[in-house]
Amino acid sequence: MKSAYERAMERFGGDEPVKVLSDEQKAALAQVDEKYKAKIAEKELFLGDLIKKAQEEHHYAEIAKLEEQKRREVAKLERDRDAEKDKIREA
């Protein structure tokens, strides 16, 4: 009978060896996180200010567009971040 750990390892590809990251890779991953954290914060702040201004002026259609734009742009930055981190892990 298999333990829960053994079943989980099988489900998540436990037969594959665990790849150990070098110190350089860890540092590069941290830099990527910081870079994209700043970019995401910048987008959220900029678009958040535009949304706030539109709310004050009662431009409700504009609010919806800006919120959707904010969601799309943050999601794109997160995808870009993850792709960049995957490249570092594969190196």
N, C-alpha and C. Protein backbone atom coordinates (compact mmCIF):
# COMPACT_ATOMS: atom_id res chain seq x y z
N MET A 1 0.84 -1.17 0.00
CA MET A 1 0.00 0.00 0.00
C MET A 1 0.89 1.24 0.00
N LYS A 2 0.55 2.21 -0.86
CA LYS A 2 1.35 3.42 -1.01
C LYS A 2 0.90 4.48 -0.01
N SER A 3 1.86 5.27 0.43
CA SER A 3 1.54 6.37 1.33
C SER A 3 0.98 7.54 0.51
N ALA A 4 0.40 8.48 1.21
CA ALA A 4 -0.13 9.67 0.54
C ALA A 4 0.99 10.41 -0.16
N TYR A 5 2.16 10.43 0.45
CA TYR A 5 3.32 11.10 -0.16
C TYR A 5 3.69 10.44 -1.48
N GLU A 6 3.72 9.12 -1.51
CA GLU A 6 4.08 8.40 -2.74
C GLU A 6 3.05 8.64 -3.84
N ARG A 7 1.78 8.66 -3.48
CA ARG A 7 0.74 8.93 -4.49
C ARG A 7 0.86 10.36 -5.02
N ALA A 8 1.14 11.31 -4.14
CA ALA A 8 1.29 12.70 -4.57
C ALA A 8 2.50 12.85 -5.48
N MET A 9 3.58 12.19 -5.16
CA MET A 9 4.78 12.26 -6.00
C MET A 9 4.52 11.68 -7.39
N GLU A 10 3.75 10.61 -7.47
CA GLU A 10 3.40 10.04 -8.77
C GLU A 10 2.55 11.02 -9.57
N ARG A 11 1.59 11.66 -8.91
CA ARG A 11 0.71 12.60 -9.59
C ARG A 11 1.46 13.80 -10.12
N PHE A 12 2.44 14.26 -9.40
CA PHE A 12 3.17 15.47 -9.78
C PHE A 12 4.51 15.18 -10.41
N GLY A 13 4.66 14.01 -11.01
CA GLY A 13 5.91 13.70 -11.71
C GLY A 13 7.06 13.43 -10.76
N GLY A 14 6.81 12.72 -9.71
CA GLY A 14 7.82 12.46 -8.70
C GLY A 14 8.94 11.56 -9.18
N ASP A 15 8.76 10.90 -10.31
CA ASP A 15 9.81 10.04 -10.83
C ASP A 15 10.96 10.86 -11.40
N GLU A 16 10.68 12.09 -11.75
CA GLU A 16 11.71 12.96 -12.31
C GLU A 16 12.60 13.48 -11.17
N PRO A 17 13.88 13.60 -11.44
CA PRO A 17 14.75 14.14 -10.39
C PRO A 17 14.44 15.61 -10.12
N VAL A 18 14.60 16.00 -8.89
CA VAL A 18 14.36 17.39 -8.50
C VAL A 18 15.56 18.21 -8.94
N LYS A 19 15.29 19.27 -9.69
CA LYS A 19 16.37 20.11 -10.18
C LYS A 19 16.75 21.12 -9.11
N VAL A 20 18.01 21.15 -8.77
CA VAL A 20 18.51 22.07 -7.76
C VAL A 20 19.01 23.32 -8.47
N LEU A 21 18.57 24.47 -7.98
CA LEU A 21 18.97 25.74 -8.59
C LEU A 21 20.28 26.21 -7.99
N SER A 22 21.10 26.80 -8.84
CA SER A 22 22.36 27.38 -8.37
C SER A 22 22.08 28.70 -7.68
N ASP A 23 23.08 29.19 -6.96
CA ASP A 23 22.92 30.48 -6.29
C ASP A 23 22.69 31.60 -7.29
N GLU A 24 23.33 31.50 -8.47
CA GLU A 24 23.15 32.51 -9.51
C GLU A 24 21.71 32.50 -10.03
N GLN A 25 21.17 31.29 -10.22
CA GLN A 25 19.79 31.18 -10.69
C GLN A 25 18.82 31.74 -9.65
N LYS A 26 19.06 31.44 -8.39
CA LYS A 26 18.20 31.96 -7.32
C LYS A 26 18.24 33.49 -7.29
N ALA A 27 19.44 34.04 -7.46
CA ALA A 27 19.58 35.50 -7.47
C ALA A 27 18.87 36.09 -8.69
N ALA A 28 19.00 35.44 -9.84
CA ALA A 28 18.35 35.92 -11.06
C ALA A 28 16.82 35.86 -10.91
N LEU A 29 16.32 34.80 -10.29
CA LEU A 29 14.88 34.68 -10.06
C LEU A 29 14.38 35.79 -9.13
N ALA A 30 15.17 36.09 -8.12
CA ALA A 30 14.79 37.17 -7.20
C ALA A 30 14.77 38.52 -7.92
N GLN A 31 15.75 38.73 -8.81
CA GLN A 31 15.78 39.99 -9.58
C GLN A 31 14.56 40.10 -10.48
N VAL A 32 14.19 39.00 -11.12
CA VAL A 32 13.02 39.01 -11.99
C VAL A 32 11.77 39.33 -11.17
N ASP A 33 11.65 38.70 -10.00
CA ASP A 33 10.50 38.99 -9.13
C ASP A 33 10.43 40.46 -8.77
N GLU A 34 11.55 41.02 -8.38
CA GLU A 34 11.57 42.43 -8.00
C GLU A 34 11.23 43.35 -9.17
N LYS A 35 11.79 43.04 -10.33
CA LYS A 35 11.54 43.85 -11.53
C LYS A 35 10.05 43.87 -11.87
N TYR A 36 9.44 42.69 -11.90
CA TYR A 36 8.03 42.62 -12.28
C TYR A 36 7.11 43.10 -11.16
N LYS A 37 7.54 42.95 -9.92
CA LYS A 37 6.75 43.48 -8.81
C LYS A 37 6.64 45.00 -8.95
N ALA A 38 7.74 45.64 -9.33
CA ALA A 38 7.74 47.09 -9.52
C ALA A 38 6.88 47.48 -10.72
N LYS A 39 7.00 46.73 -11.82
CA LYS A 39 6.20 47.04 -13.01
C LYS A 39 4.71 46.90 -12.74
N ILE A 40 4.35 45.84 -12.01
CA ILE A 40 2.94 45.61 -11.70
C ILE A 40 2.42 46.71 -10.77
N ALA A 41 3.21 47.07 -9.79
CA ALA A 41 2.80 48.14 -8.87
C ALA A 41 2.62 49.46 -9.62
N GLU A 42 3.52 49.72 -10.56
CA GLU A 42 3.42 50.95 -11.36
C GLU A 42 2.12 50.98 -12.17
N LYS A 43 1.80 49.85 -12.83
CA LYS A 43 0.56 49.77 -13.62
C LYS A 43 -0.66 49.94 -12.73
N GLU A 44 -0.66 49.23 -11.58
CA GLU A 44 -1.81 49.30 -10.69
C GLU A 44 -2.00 50.72 -10.15
N LEU A 45 -0.92 51.37 -9.83
CA LEU A 45 -1.01 52.74 -9.30
C LEU A 45 -1.52 53.70 -10.37
N PHE A 46 -0.93 53.62 -11.57
CA PHE A 46 -1.32 54.52 -12.65
C PHE A 46 -2.78 54.32 -13.03
N LEU A 47 -3.15 53.07 -13.29
CA LEU A 47 -4.54 52.83 -13.70
C LEU A 47 -5.50 53.01 -12.54
N GLY A 48 -5.05 52.74 -11.31
CA GLY A 48 -5.89 52.98 -10.15
C GLY A 48 -6.23 54.46 -10.01
N ASP A 49 -5.25 55.33 -10.28
CA ASP A 49 -5.51 56.77 -10.24
C ASP A 49 -6.51 57.19 -11.31
N LEU A 50 -6.38 56.60 -12.50
CA LEU A 50 -7.33 56.92 -13.57
C LEU A 50 -8.74 56.44 -13.21
N ILE A 51 -8.82 55.28 -12.59
CA ILE A 51 -10.12 54.75 -12.17
C ILE A 51 -10.74 55.66 -11.11
N LYS A 52 -9.93 56.09 -10.16
CA LYS A 52 -10.41 56.98 -9.11
C LYS A 52 -10.93 58.29 -9.70
N LYS A 53 -10.18 58.83 -10.66
CA LYS A 53 -10.60 60.08 -11.31
C LYS A 53 -11.92 59.88 -12.05
N ALA A 54 -12.05 58.74 -12.76
CA ALA A 54 -13.28 58.46 -13.49
C ALA A 54 -14.45 58.29 -12.52
N GLN A 55 -14.20 57.70 -11.35
CA GLN A 55 -15.26 57.55 -10.35
C GLN A 55 -15.72 58.92 -9.84
N GLU A 56 -14.76 59.79 -9.59
CA GLU A 56 -15.11 61.13 -9.10
C GLU A 56 -15.93 61.90 -10.12
N GLU A 57 -15.68 61.65 -11.40
CA GLU A 57 -16.39 62.36 -12.47
C GLU A 57 -17.61 61.59 -12.96
N HIS A 58 -17.91 60.44 -12.34
CA HIS A 58 -19.07 59.61 -12.66
C HIS A 58 -19.06 59.10 -14.11
N HIS A 59 -17.89 58.73 -14.59
CA HIS A 59 -17.76 58.14 -15.93
C HIS A 59 -17.73 56.62 -15.77
N TYR A 60 -18.90 56.04 -15.59
CA TYR A 60 -18.99 54.63 -15.25
C TYR A 60 -18.54 53.69 -16.37
N ALA A 61 -18.79 54.05 -17.61
CA ALA A 61 -18.34 53.22 -18.73
C ALA A 61 -16.81 53.21 -18.78
N GLU A 62 -16.22 54.34 -18.50
CA GLU A 62 -14.76 54.45 -18.50
C GLU A 62 -14.15 53.62 -17.37
N ILE A 63 -14.83 53.57 -16.23
CA ILE A 63 -14.34 52.79 -15.09
C ILE A 63 -14.22 51.32 -15.48
N ALA A 64 -15.25 50.80 -16.10
CA ALA A 64 -15.23 49.39 -16.51
C ALA A 64 -14.10 49.11 -17.49
N LYS A 65 -13.90 50.01 -18.45
CA LYS A 65 -12.82 49.84 -19.43
C LYS A 65 -11.46 49.87 -18.74
N LEU A 66 -11.28 50.80 -17.82
CA LEU A 66 -10.00 50.92 -17.13
C LEU A 66 -9.73 49.72 -16.23
N GLU A 67 -10.75 49.23 -15.56
CA GLU A 67 -10.57 48.04 -14.72
C GLU A 67 -10.20 46.83 -15.56
N GLU A 68 -10.82 46.68 -16.72
CA GLU A 68 -10.48 45.58 -17.62
C GLU A 68 -9.06 45.74 -18.15
N GLN A 69 -8.67 46.95 -18.50
CA GLN A 69 -7.31 47.22 -18.97
C GLN A 69 -6.30 46.87 -17.88
N LYS A 70 -6.60 47.27 -16.67
CA LYS A 70 -5.72 46.98 -15.54
C LYS A 70 -5.56 45.48 -15.36
N ARG A 71 -6.66 44.74 -15.41
CA ARG A 71 -6.62 43.30 -15.26
C ARG A 71 -5.78 42.64 -16.36
N ARG A 72 -5.99 43.08 -17.61
CA ARG A 72 -5.25 42.51 -18.75
C ARG A 72 -3.76 42.80 -18.64
N GLU A 73 -3.42 44.04 -18.32
CA GLU A 73 -2.00 44.42 -18.28
C GLU A 73 -1.26 43.75 -17.13
N VAL A 74 -1.90 43.62 -15.98
CA VAL A 74 -1.27 42.92 -14.86
C VAL A 74 -1.09 41.44 -15.21
N ALA A 75 -2.11 40.83 -15.82
CA ALA A 75 -2.01 39.42 -16.21
C ALA A 75 -0.88 39.22 -17.23
N LYS A 76 -0.73 40.15 -18.17
CA LYS A 76 0.34 40.04 -19.16
C LYS A 76 1.71 40.13 -18.48
N LEU A 77 1.85 41.07 -17.55
CA LEU A 77 3.12 41.20 -16.84
C LEU A 77 3.42 39.94 -16.02
N GLU A 78 2.40 39.34 -15.43
CA GLU A 78 2.60 38.10 -14.67
C GLU A 78 3.02 36.96 -15.59
N ARG A 79 2.42 36.88 -16.79
CA ARG A 79 2.83 35.85 -17.76
C ARG A 79 4.27 36.07 -18.21
N ASP A 80 4.62 37.33 -18.47
CA ASP A 80 5.99 37.65 -18.88
C ASP A 80 6.98 37.27 -17.78
N ARG A 81 6.63 37.59 -16.54
CA ARG A 81 7.48 37.25 -15.40
C ARG A 81 7.68 35.74 -15.31
N ASP A 82 6.59 34.99 -15.43
CA ASP A 82 6.69 33.54 -15.32
C ASP A 82 7.51 32.94 -16.46
N ALA A 83 7.36 33.49 -17.66
CA ALA A 83 8.15 33.01 -18.81
C ALA A 83 9.63 33.27 -18.59
N GLU A 84 9.94 34.46 -18.10
CA GLU A 84 11.35 34.80 -17.84
C GLU A 84 11.93 33.91 -16.75
N LYS A 85 11.15 33.61 -15.74
CA LYS A 85 11.62 32.75 -14.66
C LYS A 85 11.80 31.32 -15.16
N ASP A 86 10.92 30.86 -16.04
CA ASP A 86 11.06 29.51 -16.61
C ASP A 86 12.36 29.38 -17.42
N LYS A 87 12.71 30.42 -18.17
CA LYS A 87 13.97 30.41 -18.93
C LYS A 87 15.17 30.28 -17.99
N ILE A 88 15.11 30.98 -16.87
CA ILE A 88 16.22 30.91 -15.91
C ILE A 88 16.30 29.52 -15.30
N ARG A 89 15.16 28.94 -14.96
CA ARG A 89 15.15 27.60 -14.37
C ARG A 89 15.67 26.54 -15.34
N GLU A 90 15.38 26.71 -16.63
CA GLU A 90 15.80 25.73 -17.63
C GLU A 90 17.28 25.84 -17.98
N ALA A 91 17.88 26.99 -17.71
CA ALA A 91 19.29 27.20 -18.06
C ALA A 91 20.21 26.36 -17.20
